Protein backbone atom coordinates (compact mmCIF):
# COMPACT_ATOMS: atom_id res chain seq x y z
CA MET A 1 -22.45 61.24 -81.68
CA HIS A 2 -20.18 63.79 -79.97
CA LEU A 3 -19.26 63.47 -76.31
CA ARG A 4 -20.50 66.98 -75.62
CA ASN A 5 -23.99 65.80 -76.58
CA ILE A 6 -23.98 63.00 -74.01
CA ASP A 7 -25.20 63.51 -70.45
CA LEU A 8 -22.65 61.55 -68.43
CA ASN A 9 -25.14 61.29 -65.56
CA LEU A 10 -27.08 58.90 -67.76
CA LEU A 11 -24.17 56.46 -67.65
CA VAL A 12 -24.56 56.15 -63.89
CA VAL A 13 -28.23 55.33 -64.40
CA LEU A 14 -27.31 52.86 -67.14
CA GLN A 15 -24.89 51.09 -64.82
CA ALA A 16 -27.65 50.59 -62.22
CA LEU A 17 -30.14 49.44 -64.88
CA LEU A 18 -27.74 46.89 -66.32
CA GLU A 19 -26.87 45.62 -62.86
CA HIS A 20 -30.44 45.25 -61.55
CA ARG A 21 -32.23 44.77 -64.88
CA HIS A 22 -35.22 46.38 -63.23
CA VAL A 23 -36.32 50.04 -63.33
CA THR A 24 -37.72 50.19 -59.80
CA GLN A 25 -34.73 48.48 -58.21
CA ALA A 26 -32.37 50.77 -60.11
CA ALA A 27 -34.38 53.78 -58.92
CA ASN A 28 -34.10 52.63 -55.30
CA THR A 29 -30.34 52.17 -55.62
CA LEU A 30 -29.93 55.63 -57.15
CA ASN A 31 -32.38 57.28 -54.75
CA MET A 32 -34.38 58.46 -57.73
CA SER A 33 -38.04 58.19 -58.60
CA GLN A 34 -39.20 55.38 -60.85
CA PRO A 35 -40.56 57.79 -63.53
CA ALA A 36 -37.19 59.64 -63.60
CA VAL A 37 -35.33 56.38 -64.21
CA SER A 38 -37.85 55.41 -66.89
CA ARG A 39 -37.24 58.71 -68.68
CA ALA A 40 -33.49 58.18 -68.38
CA LEU A 41 -33.83 54.70 -69.91
CA SER A 42 -35.75 56.18 -72.81
CA ARG A 43 -32.97 58.72 -73.44
CA LEU A 44 -30.36 55.98 -73.17
CA ARG A 45 -32.17 53.92 -75.76
CA ASP A 46 -32.11 56.89 -78.11
CA THR A 47 -28.42 57.50 -77.41
CA PHE A 48 -27.36 53.90 -78.05
CA ASN A 49 -30.06 53.20 -80.63
CA ASP A 50 -30.74 50.00 -78.78
CA PRO A 51 -33.40 48.77 -76.30
CA LEU A 52 -30.71 47.85 -73.73
CA LEU A 53 -33.28 46.06 -71.53
CA VAL A 54 -35.61 43.57 -73.25
CA ARG A 55 -38.58 41.65 -71.91
CA THR A 56 -38.32 37.90 -71.41
CA ALA A 57 -40.55 35.30 -69.81
CA LYS A 58 -38.65 35.85 -66.55
CA GLY A 59 -38.62 39.63 -66.67
CA TYR A 60 -36.10 42.04 -68.19
CA ASP A 61 -32.75 40.94 -69.52
CA LEU A 62 -29.85 42.66 -71.26
CA SER A 63 -29.84 43.15 -74.98
CA ALA A 64 -26.78 41.90 -76.87
CA ARG A 65 -25.51 45.49 -77.06
CA ALA A 66 -26.05 46.04 -73.34
CA ALA A 67 -24.22 42.82 -72.48
CA SER A 68 -21.25 43.91 -74.59
CA ILE A 69 -20.98 47.40 -73.10
CA GLN A 70 -21.54 46.45 -69.46
CA PRO A 71 -17.87 45.56 -68.67
CA GLN A 72 -16.66 48.62 -70.62
CA LEU A 73 -19.09 50.79 -68.67
CA GLU A 74 -17.86 49.43 -65.33
CA GLN A 75 -14.26 50.18 -66.32
CA LEU A 76 -15.13 53.64 -67.64
CA LEU A 77 -17.06 54.73 -64.56
CA GLY A 78 -14.35 53.31 -62.31
CA SER A 79 -11.77 55.39 -64.17
CA LEU A 80 -13.96 58.51 -63.99
CA GLU A 81 -14.48 58.03 -60.26
CA LYS A 82 -10.73 57.66 -59.78
CA LEU A 83 -10.15 60.77 -61.90
CA VAL A 84 -12.39 63.04 -59.83
CA SER A 85 -11.68 61.48 -56.42
CA ALA A 86 -9.23 63.17 -54.09
CA PRO A 87 -5.80 61.59 -54.64
CA LYS A 88 -4.41 59.57 -51.76
CA PHE A 89 -0.87 59.53 -50.47
CA ASP A 90 0.68 56.79 -48.37
CA PRO A 91 4.22 57.74 -47.29
CA LYS A 92 5.02 54.13 -46.39
CA GLN A 93 4.34 53.04 -49.98
CA SER A 94 5.54 56.14 -51.82
CA ASN A 95 8.64 56.30 -54.00
CA ASP A 96 8.14 59.98 -54.87
CA THR A 97 10.97 62.49 -54.98
CA VAL A 98 10.67 65.77 -53.06
CA ARG A 99 12.67 68.47 -54.82
CA ILE A 100 13.71 71.37 -52.62
CA TYR A 101 16.01 74.37 -53.04
CA GLY A 102 17.95 75.86 -50.16
CA LEU A 103 21.31 77.49 -49.54
CA ASP A 104 23.79 75.93 -47.12
CA PRO A 105 22.56 77.69 -43.95
CA GLU A 106 18.94 76.62 -44.36
CA VAL A 107 19.86 73.14 -45.62
CA SER A 108 22.20 72.46 -42.69
CA ILE A 109 19.82 73.82 -40.08
CA PHE A 110 16.56 72.28 -41.18
CA LEU A 111 16.92 69.36 -43.59
CA PRO A 112 19.03 66.73 -41.78
CA SER A 113 16.32 66.22 -39.13
CA LEU A 114 13.66 66.15 -41.83
CA PHE A 115 15.57 63.57 -43.85
CA SER A 116 15.94 61.40 -40.75
CA LEU A 117 12.19 61.56 -40.28
CA MET A 118 11.60 60.66 -43.93
CA ARG A 119 13.82 57.60 -43.59
CA ARG A 120 11.56 56.38 -40.78
CA GLU A 121 8.14 57.39 -42.09
CA ALA A 122 8.65 57.20 -45.87
CA PRO A 123 11.60 54.86 -46.50
CA GLY A 124 10.98 54.68 -50.25
CA MET A 125 10.96 58.43 -50.83
CA PHE A 126 13.85 60.53 -52.11
CA LEU A 127 14.98 64.02 -51.12
CA ASP A 128 16.62 66.00 -53.94
CA VAL A 129 18.29 69.14 -52.54
CA ARG A 130 19.62 71.88 -54.82
CA SER A 131 21.91 74.56 -53.42
CA GLU A 132 23.66 76.19 -56.36
CA PRO A 133 23.58 80.01 -56.15
CA ARG A 134 20.65 81.17 -58.26
CA GLU A 135 17.21 82.77 -58.09
CA GLN A 136 15.25 80.16 -56.15
CA PHE A 137 11.83 81.60 -56.95
CA GLU A 138 12.44 81.00 -60.66
CA LEU A 139 12.75 77.32 -59.80
CA LEU A 140 9.38 77.44 -58.06
CA ASP A 141 7.79 79.26 -60.99
CA SER A 142 9.10 76.76 -63.53
CA GLY A 143 8.10 73.76 -61.43
CA ASP A 144 11.71 72.49 -61.19
CA VAL A 145 11.38 72.24 -57.41
CA HIS A 146 8.45 71.69 -55.08
CA PHE A 147 9.78 73.92 -52.29
CA SER A 148 12.26 76.65 -51.50
CA LEU A 149 13.63 76.99 -47.98
CA THR A 150 14.88 80.55 -47.66
CA ALA A 151 14.97 83.80 -45.71
CA PHE A 152 14.69 85.76 -48.98
CA THR A 153 11.37 87.04 -50.28
CA PRO A 154 10.19 86.97 -53.91
CA HIS A 155 10.68 90.16 -55.89
CA ASN A 156 7.27 89.96 -57.56
CA GLY A 157 5.22 89.55 -54.40
CA LEU A 158 3.57 86.58 -52.76
CA GLU A 159 0.47 86.18 -54.90
CA HIS A 160 1.78 83.05 -56.67
CA TYR A 161 3.25 81.43 -53.57
CA ARG A 162 2.28 79.95 -50.26
CA ARG A 163 4.66 79.89 -47.33
CA LEU A 164 5.14 78.37 -43.91
CA ARG A 165 7.15 80.09 -41.18
CA VAL A 166 9.82 77.63 -40.14
CA GLU A 167 12.14 79.32 -37.66
CA ARG A 168 14.23 82.36 -36.87
CA PRO A 169 17.70 80.79 -36.52
CA ARG A 170 19.93 81.70 -33.60
CA PHE A 171 23.16 83.56 -34.40
CA VAL A 172 26.40 83.65 -32.40
CA VAL A 173 29.78 85.35 -32.75
CA LEU A 174 32.70 83.03 -33.53
CA MET A 175 36.23 84.07 -32.52
CA HIS A 176 39.61 82.73 -31.39
CA LYS A 177 39.68 81.92 -27.70
CA ASN A 178 42.49 84.47 -27.26
CA HIS A 179 40.77 87.22 -29.22
CA PRO A 180 40.50 90.52 -27.24
CA LEU A 181 36.71 90.18 -27.34
CA ALA A 182 36.78 86.68 -25.86
CA LYS A 183 36.65 88.22 -22.37
CA GLY A 184 34.75 91.12 -20.91
CA PRO A 185 31.45 92.63 -22.03
CA LEU A 186 30.82 92.28 -25.75
CA THR A 187 29.48 95.78 -26.29
CA ILE A 188 28.31 97.09 -29.62
CA LYS A 189 31.26 99.53 -29.71
CA ARG A 190 33.87 96.82 -29.17
CA TYR A 191 32.12 94.63 -31.68
CA LEU A 192 32.07 97.31 -34.39
CA ASP A 193 35.72 98.22 -33.81
CA ALA A 194 36.83 94.65 -34.58
CA ALA A 195 37.60 93.09 -37.97
CA HIS A 196 34.96 90.75 -39.35
CA GLY A 197 34.57 88.11 -42.00
CA MET A 198 31.34 87.40 -43.84
CA VAL A 199 29.98 84.51 -45.86
CA SER A 200 27.96 85.45 -48.95
CA ILE A 201 26.87 82.35 -50.83
CA THR A 202 25.04 84.40 -53.43
CA GLY A 203 27.88 86.94 -53.75
CA ARG A 204 25.37 89.77 -53.38
CA GLY A 205 24.24 92.12 -50.69
CA PRO A 206 25.73 93.55 -47.50
CA ALA A 207 26.55 91.61 -44.36
CA LEU A 208 23.55 90.60 -42.30
CA VAL A 209 24.71 92.78 -39.41
CA ASP A 210 24.96 95.80 -41.72
CA ARG A 211 21.24 95.53 -42.32
CA SER A 212 20.62 95.71 -38.58
CA LEU A 213 22.96 98.73 -38.39
CA SER A 214 21.40 100.60 -41.31
CA ASP A 215 19.68 103.12 -39.02
CA THR A 216 22.87 103.93 -37.11
CA GLY A 217 24.97 104.94 -40.10
CA ARG A 218 27.73 102.51 -39.11
CA THR A 219 28.92 99.40 -40.93
CA LEU A 220 31.21 96.52 -40.14
CA TYR A 221 34.85 96.56 -41.10
CA THR A 222 34.83 93.44 -43.25
CA PRO A 223 38.19 92.72 -44.88
CA LEU A 224 37.18 89.12 -45.71
CA ARG A 225 34.32 87.76 -47.79
CA LEU A 226 33.89 84.01 -48.37
CA SER A 227 31.49 82.21 -50.67
CA SER A 228 31.02 79.15 -48.42
CA PHE A 229 31.27 78.11 -44.78
CA ALA A 230 33.93 75.48 -45.43
CA ASN A 231 36.95 77.61 -44.42
CA VAL A 232 35.40 79.80 -41.75
CA GLY A 233 37.17 78.01 -38.90
CA GLN A 234 40.62 78.30 -40.45
CA PHE A 235 40.27 82.02 -41.23
CA CYS A 236 38.84 82.70 -37.79
CA GLU A 237 41.72 80.83 -36.14
CA GLU A 238 44.57 82.29 -38.18
CA GLY A 239 43.19 85.66 -39.27
CA GLY A 240 42.08 87.02 -35.89
CA ILE A 241 38.65 88.05 -37.16
CA LEU A 242 35.06 87.53 -36.05
CA PHE A 243 32.21 85.78 -37.83
CA HIS A 244 28.54 86.37 -37.06
CA LEU A 245 27.03 82.99 -37.95
CA PRO A 246 24.08 80.69 -37.41
CA ARG A 247 24.94 78.54 -34.41
CA VAL A 248 25.03 75.29 -36.41
CA PHE A 249 27.89 76.60 -38.59
CA ALA A 250 29.76 78.13 -35.70
CA GLU A 251 29.69 74.82 -33.83
CA GLN A 252 30.92 72.97 -36.90
CA ALA A 253 33.76 75.46 -37.39
CA ARG A 254 34.86 75.12 -33.75
CA LYS A 255 35.53 71.39 -33.91
CA GLY A 256 39.20 70.72 -33.31
CA ARG A 257 40.10 74.42 -33.21
CA PRO A 258 40.81 76.91 -30.40
CA LEU A 259 37.62 78.86 -31.10
CA ILE A 260 34.74 79.97 -28.90
CA THR A 261 31.30 81.45 -29.47
CA ARG A 262 29.68 84.36 -27.70
CA GLU A 263 26.24 85.84 -27.80
CA PRO A 264 26.15 88.93 -30.07
CA PRO A 265 25.55 92.39 -28.63
CA GLU A 266 21.95 92.92 -27.66
CA GLU A 267 21.55 95.55 -30.38
CA LEU A 268 22.20 92.88 -33.03
CA ALA A 269 19.85 90.27 -31.62
CA GLN A 270 16.82 91.94 -33.18
CA ASP A 271 15.41 91.83 -36.69
CA LEU A 272 17.08 88.57 -37.64
CA PRO A 273 15.76 87.01 -40.83
CA THR A 274 12.99 84.46 -40.56
CA THR A 275 13.24 81.32 -42.66
CA TYR A 276 10.16 80.28 -44.63
CA LEU A 277 9.26 77.23 -46.64
CA TYR A 278 7.80 78.52 -49.93
CA TRP A 279 5.84 76.60 -52.53
CA HIS A 280 4.01 77.54 -55.70
CA GLU A 281 0.24 77.46 -55.87
CA ARG A 282 0.43 74.58 -58.37
CA HIS A 283 1.63 72.24 -55.63
CA HIS A 284 -0.63 73.45 -52.84
CA HIS A 285 -3.14 70.58 -53.16
CA ASN A 286 -0.64 67.88 -54.07
CA PRO A 287 -1.04 65.23 -51.30
CA MET A 288 2.66 64.36 -51.29
CA CYS A 289 3.54 68.04 -50.84
CA GLN A 290 0.89 68.39 -48.15
CA TRP A 291 2.46 65.52 -46.24
CA PHE A 292 5.92 67.06 -46.59
CA ARG A 293 4.68 70.42 -45.31
CA ASP A 294 3.09 68.70 -42.32
CA GLN A 295 6.43 67.13 -41.42
CA ILE A 296 8.22 70.49 -41.70
CA ARG A 297 5.53 72.10 -39.55
CA ALA A 298 5.80 69.39 -36.90
CA LEU A 299 9.58 69.72 -36.75
CA ALA A 300 9.34 73.50 -36.53
CA ASP A 301 6.82 73.26 -33.69
CA SER A 302 9.03 70.74 -31.89
CA SER A 303 12.07 73.00 -32.29
CA ALA A 304 10.15 76.00 -30.97
CA GLU A 305 9.08 74.06 -27.90
């Protein structure tokens, strides 16, 4: 007997028959007609080559075969029900690990608050953050991470991914407090005439401001390129240059140094990159990932307010 030849619906009927040991009572429990249950019992008897229910002086009772398979049947149907039921996720009881990729700007801006929330709401969960320079969408494709927090977009389109708009981070200009641009109007001309530093974690691409200036034909004079934010404050203090940075990094760089921040020229306040939380379609219905996305969404909404 091959499994493909067995109607699994019959096992549900068999469970009711073995429990009630009565065709009519089983039919009532299953919301089926009595003739339909009788026909099902006949098919079950053929399948098992056994009467299953036998007459006694007190009514029907289980055959020896039926008595032996009843506990196995209960276990089997319980497992099948668990298999097809929607999985449940309880953050308070979970010890799952959320794996997320993000470069330093996104990680510093968005994840500390999220981790604090996780410590309160899901104390047994782990947050595994990867930030090494690489193609983050390959990690999503391979399943190495659940999420990617980035302002980049995938090269091969969005058909394999879902995304959630998180925030458009606020940028400021960091400079020495005695820099010529520390006082007076910070016009686009004065800004472009100054020397700038840039941070390129990936080592690729032009400065962010250059993208905003692409229509004007002008570019920044950028004699300094760094691969991390760690030394921004020191270069800004001693090198007399400007950095156009997310506010969180500018504030960190200012600590203990004679540096100030100013709002960038109005012409550069537009078309800033928007950060998205991306995930692959394979994780869209995962209840743990759904919970994580809900927390990100709530934090983003709170930040926007």
